[in-house]
Amino acid sequence: MVAAEAMKVPRSTGLNKLWPDARTALEGIVRDGMMMAIGGFGLCGIPETLILALRDSGVRNLTIASNNAGVDQWGIGLLLQTRQVKKMISSYVGENAEFERQYLAGELEVEFAPQGTLAERMRAGGAGIPGFYTRTGVGTLVAEGKEHKEFDGVTYILERGIQADLALVKAWKADTHGNLVYRRTARNFNPLAATCGKITVAEAEIVVEPGDLDPDEIHTPGIFVHRLVHHPNPERRIEKATTREA
């Protein structure tokens, strides 16, 4: 597929950013070798239908910045299974045997980032900040090869902001203009990923008309979102109903 510049991404008519499905929403904007940001925390709040469509698109050599690498058979783990990922920038990569196998075999490049640092790298990239200094990681493998600088007698390392070619995020509710609301713990890396993508595609469980969302409830303004997909029945693999005996 052909890459598209952020300002030239074709949209639905007028301000309506709703697309028929995940496959068509990714058409024309995914390509081999992309740098991507994907929201979610483990299996919580992941854009599952967009990940499936990304897998089915066949694009390869992807660099993905995400808190995690999914699990075997789900989430980003599906992209690892099909060898579509060249590099992961992540904080937590447990619970994924295929990730471990590829990494130990030298088939997958991994850049570990402390969780708060990764979050700030996405936030900085979305705010147009090229880099920032942090004490986190000083004196560890995380600091190797990075600029060190002292402030008031304390050593910091320079971390670069992340600007992704494409961001995929999951919202609970959205309007057709692309304004997004996240629900509880699914409001994790999604707002940060949404802002750092040159192009952002979101999926939402509930889609309403413009004006139906209270402006004070909106977490990601529609200005950051280029395309939207309605996915009303996510699998919620991480959620388990727990009840007590009568």
C-alpha atoms as a PDB file:
ATOM      1  CA  MET A   1       0.000   0.000   0.000  1.00  0.00           C
ATOM      2  CA  VAL A   2       1.072   3.590  -0.569  1.00  0.00           C
ATOM      3  CA  ALA A   3       2.107   5.877   2.279  1.00  0.00           C
ATOM      4  CA  ALA A   4       0.132   9.054   2.821  1.00  0.00           C
ATOM      5  CA  GLU A   5       1.221  12.329   4.371  1.00  0.00           C
ATOM      6  CA  ALA A   6      -0.698  13.300   7.486  1.00  0.00           C
ATOM      7  CA  MET A   7      -2.273  16.386   5.942  1.00  0.00           C
ATOM      8  CA  LYS A   8      -3.279  14.479   2.788  1.00  0.00           C
ATOM      9  CA  VAL A   9      -5.022  11.522   4.381  1.00  0.00           C
ATOM     10  CA  PRO A  10      -8.384  11.063   2.629  1.00  0.00           C
ATOM     11  CA  ARG A  11     -11.276  11.171   5.053  1.00  0.00           C
ATOM     12  CA  SER A  12     -14.970  10.516   4.940  1.00  0.00           C
ATOM     13  CA  THR A  13     -17.303  13.281   3.797  1.00  0.00           C
ATOM     14  CA  GLY A  14     -16.924  16.530   5.717  1.00  0.00           C
ATOM     15  CA  LEU A  15     -15.974  16.109   9.368  1.00  0.00           C
ATOM     16  CA  ASN A  16     -17.287  12.566   9.533  1.00  0.00           C
ATOM     17  CA  LYS A  17     -14.261  10.360  10.217  1.00  0.00           C
ATOM     18  CA  LEU A  18     -16.134   7.079  10.563  1.00  0.00           C
ATOM     19  CA  TRP A  19     -15.005   4.315   8.183  1.00  0.00           C
ATOM     20  CA  PRO A  20     -16.897   1.100   7.385  1.00  0.00           C
ATOM     21  CA  ASP A  21     -14.362  -1.276   8.948  1.00  0.00           C
ATOM     22  CA  ALA A  22     -10.765  -1.612  10.108  1.00  0.00           C
ATOM     23  CA  ARG A  23      -9.492  -2.925   6.785  1.00  0.00           C
ATOM     24  CA  THR A  24     -10.695   0.052   4.767  1.00  0.00           C
ATOM     25  CA  ALA A  25      -9.596   2.462   7.509  1.00  0.00           C
ATOM     26  CA  LEU A  26      -5.982   1.327   7.048  1.00  0.00           C
ATOM     27  CA  GLU A  27      -6.040   1.360   3.265  1.00  0.00           C
ATOM     28  CA  GLY A  28      -3.612   3.824   1.739  1.00  0.00           C
ATOM     29  CA  ILE A  29      -1.841   4.670   5.003  1.00  0.00           C
ATOM     30  CA  VAL A  30       0.095   1.534   5.929  1.00  0.00           C
ATOM     31  CA  ARG A  31       3.390   0.551   4.333  1.00  0.00           C
ATOM     32  CA  ASP A  32       6.463  -1.534   5.006  1.00  0.00           C
ATOM     33  CA  GLY A  33       9.013  -0.096   7.429  1.00  0.00           C
ATOM     34  CA  MET A  34       6.648   2.194   9.332  1.00  0.00           C
ATOM     35  CA  MET A  35       7.244   3.487  12.840  1.00  0.00           C
ATOM     36  CA  MET A  36       4.040   2.865  14.801  1.00  0.00           C
ATOM     37  CA  ALA A  37       2.626   3.652  18.234  1.00  0.00           C
ATOM     38  CA  ILE A  38      -0.040   1.293  19.562  1.00  0.00           C
ATOM     39  CA  GLY A  39      -2.093   2.005  22.675  1.00  0.00           C
ATOM     40  CA  GLY A  40      -2.975  -0.422  25.427  1.00  0.00           C
ATOM     41  CA  PHE A  41      -1.571  -2.003  28.558  1.00  0.00           C
ATOM     42  CA  GLY A  42      -1.144  -5.747  28.289  1.00  0.00           C
ATOM     43  CA  LEU A  43      -4.479  -6.778  26.792  1.00  0.00           C
ATOM     44  CA  CYS A  44      -6.329  -3.859  28.370  1.00  0.00           C
ATOM     45  CA  GLY A  45      -7.440  -1.161  25.963  1.00  0.00           C
ATOM     46  CA  ILE A  46      -5.745  -2.556  22.864  1.00  0.00           C
ATOM     47  CA  PRO A  47      -7.069  -1.674  19.381  1.00  0.00           C
ATOM     48  CA  GLU A  48      -7.726  -5.333  18.635  1.00  0.00           C
ATOM     49  CA  THR A  49      -9.652  -5.015  15.371  1.00  0.00           C
ATOM     50  CA  LEU A  50      -7.075  -2.578  13.960  1.00  0.00           C
ATOM     51  CA  ILE A  51      -4.249  -4.950  14.925  1.00  0.00           C
ATOM     52  CA  LEU A  52      -6.039  -7.763  13.089  1.00  0.00           C
ATOM     53  CA  ALA A  53      -6.443  -5.553  10.022  1.00  0.00           C
ATOM     54  CA  LEU A  54      -2.785  -4.554  10.220  1.00  0.00           C
ATOM     55  CA  ARG A  55      -1.814  -8.221  10.291  1.00  0.00           C
ATOM     56  CA  ASP A  56      -4.027  -8.988   7.305  1.00  0.00           C
ATOM     57  CA  SER A  57      -2.566  -6.044   5.339  1.00  0.00           C
ATOM     58  CA  GLY A  58       0.724  -7.945   5.108  1.00  0.00           C
ATOM     59  CA  VAL A  59       2.980  -4.951   5.817  1.00  0.00           C
ATOM     60  CA  ARG A  60       6.390  -5.891   7.203  1.00  0.00           C
ATOM     61  CA  ASN A  61       9.510  -4.541   8.918  1.00  0.00           C
ATOM     62  CA  LEU A  62       7.475  -2.540  11.403  1.00  0.00           C
ATOM     63  CA  THR A  63       8.928  -0.709  14.394  1.00  0.00           C
ATOM     64  CA  ILE A  64       6.298  -0.628  17.126  1.00  0.00           C
ATOM     65  CA  ALA A  65       6.336   1.513  20.256  1.00  0.00           C
ATOM     66  CA  SER A  66       3.942  -0.030  22.755  1.00  0.00           C
ATOM     67  CA  ASN A  67       3.899  -0.644  26.472  1.00  0.00           C
ATOM     68  CA  ASN A  68       3.908  -4.378  25.757  1.00  0.00           C
ATOM     69  CA  ALA A  69       4.229  -6.943  22.991  1.00  0.00           C
ATOM     70  CA  GLY A  70       0.870  -8.616  23.536  1.00  0.00           C
ATOM     71  CA  VAL A  71       0.668 -12.339  24.263  1.00  0.00           C
ATOM     72  CA  ASP A  72       0.879 -15.423  22.093  1.00  0.00           C
ATOM     73  CA  GLN A  73      -2.194 -15.576  19.833  1.00  0.00           C
ATOM     74  CA  TRP A  74      -3.484 -12.058  20.644  1.00  0.00           C
ATOM     75  CA  GLY A  75      -2.675  -8.367  20.433  1.00  0.00           C
ATOM     76  CA  ILE A  76       0.724  -7.449  19.018  1.00  0.00           C
ATOM     77  CA  GLY A  77       1.630 -11.102  19.507  1.00  0.00           C
ATOM     78  CA  LEU A  78      -0.301 -11.779  16.282  1.00  0.00           C
ATOM     79  CA  LEU A  79       2.088  -9.506  14.368  1.00  0.00           C
ATOM     80  CA  LEU A  80       5.076 -11.270  15.899  1.00  0.00           C
ATOM     81  CA  GLN A  81       3.675 -14.625  14.798  1.00  0.00           C
ATOM     82  CA  THR A  82       3.587 -13.490  11.187  1.00  0.00           C
ATOM     83  CA  ARG A  83       7.072 -11.918  11.421  1.00  0.00           C
ATOM     84  CA  GLN A  84       5.795  -8.443  10.553  1.00  0.00           C
ATOM     85  CA  VAL A  85       7.677  -6.698  13.384  1.00  0.00           C
ATOM     86  CA  LYS A  86      11.334  -5.727  13.022  1.00  0.00           C
ATOM     87  CA  LYS A  87      11.737  -3.838  16.303  1.00  0.00           C
ATOM     88  CA  MET A  88       9.808  -3.380  19.549  1.00  0.00           C
ATOM     89  CA  ILE A  89      10.140  -0.335  21.821  1.00  0.00           C
ATOM     90  CA  SER A  90       8.508  -1.573  25.023  1.00  0.00           C
ATOM     91  CA  SER A  91       8.464  -1.620  28.807  1.00  0.00           C
ATOM     92  CA  TYR A  92       7.037  -5.070  29.489  1.00  0.00           C
ATOM     93  CA  VAL A  93       7.445  -8.066  27.218  1.00  0.00           C
ATOM     94  CA  GLY A  94       6.604 -11.042  29.434  1.00  0.00           C
ATOM     95  CA  GLU A  95       3.929 -13.654  28.714  1.00  0.00           C
ATOM     96  CA  ASN A  96       4.929 -13.961  25.064  1.00  0.00           C
ATOM     97  CA  ALA A  97       6.917 -17.061  24.164  1.00  0.00           C
ATOM     98  CA  GLU A  98       7.258 -16.129  20.485  1.00  0.00           C
ATOM     99  CA  PHE A  99       8.676 -12.719  21.436  1.00  0.00           C
ATOM    100  CA  GLU A 100      11.233 -14.463  23.645  1.00  0.00           C
ATOM    101  CA  ARG A 101      12.163 -16.932  20.939  1.00  0.00           C
ATOM    102  CA  GLN A 102      12.653 -14.264  18.256  1.00  0.00           C
ATOM    103  CA  TYR A 103      14.656 -12.015  20.581  1.00  0.00           C
ATOM    104  CA  LEU A 104      16.996 -14.776  21.766  1.00  0.00           C
ATOM    105  CA  ALA A 105      17.457 -15.956  18.175  1.00  0.00           C
ATOM    106  CA  GLY A 106      18.457 -12.445  17.073  1.00  0.00           C
ATOM    107  CA  GLU A 107      15.434 -12.152  14.802  1.00  0.00           C
ATOM    108  CA  LEU A 108      13.828  -9.226  16.667  1.00  0.00           C
ATOM    109  CA  GLU A 109      15.400  -5.966  17.790  1.00  0.00           C
ATOM    110  CA  VAL A 110      14.249  -4.754  21.210  1.00  0.00           C
ATOM    111  CA  GLU A 111      14.634  -1.349  22.831  1.00  0.00           C
ATOM    112  CA  PHE A 112      13.600  -1.497  26.461  1.00  0.00           C
ATOM    113  CA  ALA A 113      12.246   1.721  27.961  1.00  0.00           C
ATOM    114  CA  PRO A 114      11.133   2.302  31.555  1.00  0.00           C
ATOM    115  CA  GLN A 115       7.378   2.623  31.567  1.00  0.00           C
ATOM    116  CA  GLY A 116       7.244   6.262  32.638  1.00  0.00           C
ATOM    117  CA  THR A 117       9.982   7.148  30.174  1.00  0.00           C
ATOM    118  CA  LEU A 118       8.110   5.489  27.326  1.00  0.00           C
ATOM    119  CA  ALA A 119       4.939   7.368  28.255  1.00  0.00           C
ATOM    120  CA  GLU A 120       6.819  10.670  28.348  1.00  0.00           C
ATOM    121  CA  ARG A 121       8.552   9.915  25.039  1.00  0.00           C
ATOM    122  CA  MET A 122       5.137   9.562  23.395  1.00  0.00           C
ATOM    123  CA  ARG A 123       3.786  12.643  25.132  1.00  0.00           C
ATOM    124  CA  ALA A 124       6.841  14.678  24.133  1.00  0.00           C
ATOM    125  CA  GLY A 125       6.605  13.552  20.527  1.00  0.00           C
ATOM    126  CA  GLY A 126       2.966  14.572  20.396  1.00  0.00           C
ATOM    127  CA  ALA A 127       3.805  17.968  21.896  1.00  0.00           C
ATOM    128  CA  GLY A 128       6.575  18.602  19.361  1.00  0.00           C
ATOM    129  CA  ILE A 129       9.344  18.205  21.955  1.00  0.00           C
ATOM    130  CA  PRO A 130      12.339  16.396  20.397  1.00  0.00           C
ATOM    131  CA  GLY A 131      13.818  15.171  23.680  1.00  0.00           C
ATOM    132  CA  PHE A 132      13.984  15.528  27.456  1.00  0.00           C
ATOM    133  CA  TYR A 133      16.297  14.709  30.351  1.00  0.00           C
ATOM    134  CA  THR A 134      15.414  12.167  33.027  1.00  0.00           C
ATOM    135  CA  ARG A 135      17.172  10.486  35.953  1.00  0.00           C
ATOM    136  CA  THR A 136      15.424   7.202  35.234  1.00  0.00           C
ATOM    137  CA  GLY A 137      17.862   4.637  33.896  1.00  0.00           C
ATOM    138  CA  VAL A 138      21.082   6.424  34.897  1.00  0.00           C
ATOM    139  CA  GLY A 139      23.751   3.850  35.676  1.00  0.00           C
ATOM    140  CA  THR A 140      21.893   1.000  33.944  1.00  0.00           C
ATOM    141  CA  LEU A 141      21.865  -0.557  30.478  1.00  0.00           C
ATOM    142  CA  VAL A 142      19.086   1.888  29.584  1.00  0.00           C
ATOM    143  CA  ALA A 143      21.605   4.746  29.693  1.00  0.00           C
ATOM    144  CA  GLU A 144      24.185   3.168  27.376  1.00  0.00           C
ATOM    145  CA  GLY A 145      24.900   5.298  24.305  1.00  0.00           C
ATOM    146  CA  LYS A 146      22.751   8.204  25.497  1.00  0.00           C
ATOM    147  CA  GLU A 147      23.875  11.734  26.282  1.00  0.00           C
ATOM    148  CA  HIS A 148      24.514  12.381  29.981  1.00  0.00           C
ATOM    149  CA  LYS A 149      24.180  15.841  31.492  1.00  0.00           C
ATOM    150  CA  GLU A 150      24.385  17.225  35.008  1.00  0.00           C
ATOM    151  CA  PHE A 151      21.799  19.589  36.475  1.00  0.00           C
ATOM    152  CA  ASP A 152      22.429  20.900  39.991  1.00  0.00           C
ATOM    153  CA  GLY A 153      24.961  18.145  40.570  1.00  0.00           C
ATOM    154  CA  VAL A 154      22.610  15.338  39.494  1.00  0.00           C
ATOM    155  CA  THR A 155      23.160  13.234  36.358  1.00  0.00           C
ATOM    156  CA  TYR A 156      20.393  12.873  33.801  1.00  0.00           C
ATOM    157  CA  ILE A 157      20.167  11.095  30.442  1.00  0.00           C
ATOM    158  CA  LEU A 158      18.632  12.407  27.250  1.00  0.00           C
ATOM    159  CA  GLU A 159      15.612  10.525  25.907  1.00  0.00           C
ATOM    160  CA  ARG A 160      14.157  11.236  22.482  1.00  0.00           C
ATOM    161  CA  GLY A 161      10.488  11.954  21.894  1.00  0.00           C
ATOM    162  CA  ILE A 162       8.579   9.478  19.733  1.00  0.00           C
ATOM    163  CA  GLN A 163       6.835  10.644  16.584  1.00  0.00           C
ATOM    164  CA  ALA A 164       5.139   7.711  14.894  1.00  0.00           C
ATOM    165  CA  ASP A 165       4.132   7.478  11.250  1.00  0.00           C
ATOM    166  CA  LEU A 166       0.900   5.845  12.397  1.00  0.00           C
ATOM    167  CA  ALA A 167      -0.835   5.452  15.765  1.00  0.00           C
ATOM    168  CA  LEU A 168      -3.544   2.884  16.518  1.00  0.00           C
ATOM    169  CA  VAL A 169      -5.668   3.470  19.622  1.00  0.00           C
ATOM    170  CA  LYS A 170      -8.736   2.087  21.373  1.00  0.00           C
ATOM    171  CA  ALA A 171     -11.489   4.251  22.880  1.00  0.00           C
ATOM    172  CA  TRP A 172     -14.636   3.360  24.768  1.00  0.00           C
ATOM    173  CA  LYS A 173     -16.795   6.056  23.214  1.00  0.00           C
ATOM    174  CA  ALA A 174     -16.332   8.427  20.285  1.00  0.00           C
ATOM    175  CA  ASP A 175     -18.340  10.785  18.147  1.00  0.00           C
ATOM    176  CA  THR A 176     -18.096  10.791  14.366  1.00  0.00           C
ATOM    177  CA  HIS A 177     -15.792  13.820  14.488  1.00  0.00           C
ATOM    178  CA  GLY A 178     -13.171  11.656  16.205  1.00  0.00           C
ATOM    179  CA  ASN A 179     -13.426  12.974  19.763  1.00  0.00           C
ATOM    180  CA  LEU A 180     -12.486  10.099  22.060  1.00  0.00           C
ATOM    181  CA  VAL A 181     -13.358   9.007  25.596  1.00  0.00           C
ATOM    182  CA  TYR A 182     -11.430   6.192  27.299  1.00  0.00           C
ATOM    183  CA  ARG A 183     -12.848   4.018  30.047  1.00  0.00           C
ATOM    184  CA  ARG A 184     -11.031   3.499  33.341  1.00  0.00           C
ATOM    185  CA  THR A 185      -7.753   1.578  33.015  1.00  0.00           C
ATOM    186  CA  ALA A 186      -8.010   1.589  29.215  1.00  0.00           C
ATOM    187  CA  ARG A 187      -7.018   5.234  29.572  1.00  0.00           C
ATOM    188  CA  ASN A 188      -3.389   4.165  29.758  1.00  0.00           C
ATOM    189  CA  PHE A 189      -1.083   4.671  26.774  1.00  0.00           C
ATOM    190  CA  ASN A 190      -3.922   5.406  24.371  1.00  0.00           C
ATOM    191  CA  PRO A 191      -4.114   9.214  24.846  1.00  0.00           C
ATOM    192  CA  LEU A 192      -0.325   9.477  24.498  1.00  0.00           C
ATOM    193  CA  ALA A 193      -0.173   7.279  21.415  1.00  0.00           C
ATOM    194  CA  ALA A 194      -3.034   9.205  19.808  1.00  0.00           C
ATOM    195  CA  THR A 195      -1.137  12.495  19.940  1.00  0.00           C
ATOM    196  CA  CYS A 196       2.260  11.220  18.771  1.00  0.00           C
ATOM    197  CA  GLY A 197       1.030   9.728  15.505  1.00  0.00           C
ATOM    198  CA  LYS A 198       1.339  11.741  12.311  1.00  0.00           C
ATOM    199  CA  ILE A 199      -1.755   9.763  11.356  1.00  0.00           C
ATOM    200  CA  THR A 200      -4.035   8.320  14.052  1.00  0.00           C
ATOM    201  CA  VAL A 201      -6.712   5.678  13.566  1.00  0.00           C
ATOM    202  CA  ALA A 202      -9.016   4.866  16.476  1.00  0.00           C
ATOM    203  CA  GLU A 203     -11.541   2.151  17.194  1.00  0.00           C
ATOM    204  CA  ALA A 204     -14.406   2.693  19.622  1.00  0.00           C
ATOM    205  CA  GLU A 205     -17.055   0.495  21.222  1.00  0.00           C
ATOM    206  CA  ILE A 206     -19.720   3.207  21.116  1.00  0.00           C
ATOM    207  CA  VAL A 207     -20.053   5.848  18.399  1.00  0.00           C
ATOM    208  CA  VAL A 208     -22.414   8.786  18.858  1.00  0.00           C
ATOM    209  CA  GLU A 209     -23.331  11.903  16.939  1.00  0.00           C
ATOM    210  CA  PRO A 210     -21.432  15.199  17.321  1.00  0.00           C
ATOM    211  CA  GLY A 211     -22.680  17.104  20.345  1.00  0.00           C
ATOM    212  CA  ASP A 212     -23.625  13.975  22.287  1.00  0.00           C
ATOM    213  CA  LEU A 213     -20.353  13.973  24.247  1.00  0.00           C
ATOM    214  CA  ASP A 214     -19.869  16.356  27.147  1.00  0.00           C
ATOM    215  CA  PRO A 215     -16.805  18.433  26.168  1.00  0.00           C
ATOM    216  CA  ASP A 216     -15.450  17.999  29.700  1.00  0.00           C
ATOM    217  CA  GLU A 217     -15.449  14.202  29.237  1.00  0.00           C
ATOM    218  CA  ILE A 218     -13.345  14.157  26.065  1.00  0.00           C
ATOM    219  CA  HIS A 219      -9.837  12.825  26.595  1.00  0.00           C
ATOM    220  CA  THR A 220      -8.514  13.033  23.012  1.00  0.00           C
ATOM    221  CA  PRO A 221      -9.865  15.851  20.833  1.00  0.00           C
ATOM    222  CA  GLY A 222     -10.854  14.889  17.312  1.00  0.00           C
ATOM    223  CA  ILE A 223      -8.143  17.114  15.827  1.00  0.00           C
ATOM    224  CA  PHE A 224      -5.690  14.284  16.570  1.00  0.00           C
ATOM    225  CA  VAL A 225      -7.803  11.553  14.947  1.00  0.00           C
ATOM    226  CA  HIS A 226      -7.911  11.008  11.195  1.00  0.00           C
ATOM    227  CA  ARG A 227     -10.031   7.873  10.934  1.00  0.00           C
ATOM    228  CA  LEU A 228     -12.464   6.039  13.214  1.00  0.00           C
ATOM    229  CA  VAL A 229     -13.811   2.474  13.279  1.00  0.00           C
ATOM    230  CA  HIS A 230     -16.828   1.208  15.212  1.00  0.00           C
ATOM    231  CA  HIS A 231     -16.008  -2.045  17.050  1.00  0.00           C
ATOM    232  CA  PRO A 232     -18.966  -2.648  19.388  1.00  0.00           C
ATOM    233  CA  ASN A 233     -18.063  -6.110  20.685  1.00  0.00           C
ATOM    234  CA  PRO A 234     -14.408  -6.373  21.745  1.00  0.00           C
ATOM    235  CA  GLU A 235     -13.313  -9.718  23.128  1.00  0.00           C
ATOM    236  CA  ARG A 236     -12.220  -8.366  26.544  1.00  0.00           C
ATOM    237  CA  ARG A 237      -9.905 -11.323  27.116  1.00  0.00           C
ATOM    238  CA  ILE A 238      -8.443  -9.750  30.229  1.00  0.00           C
ATOM    239  CA  GLU A 239     -11.786  -9.178  31.967  1.00  0.00           C
ATOM    240  CA  LYS A 240     -13.157 -11.900  34.225  1.00  0.00           C
ATOM    241  CA  ALA A 241     -16.492 -11.763  36.043  1.00  0.00           C
ATOM    242  CA  THR A 242     -16.045 -12.642  39.734  1.00  0.00           C
ATOM    243  CA  THR A 243     -19.055 -13.306  41.901  1.00  0.00           C
ATOM    244  CA  ARG A 244     -19.520 -14.663  45.405  1.00  0.00           C
ATOM    245  CA  GLU A 245     -21.614 -17.654  46.228  1.00  0.00           C
ATOM    246  CA  ALA A 246     -25.199 -16.965  47.234  1.00  0.00           C
END
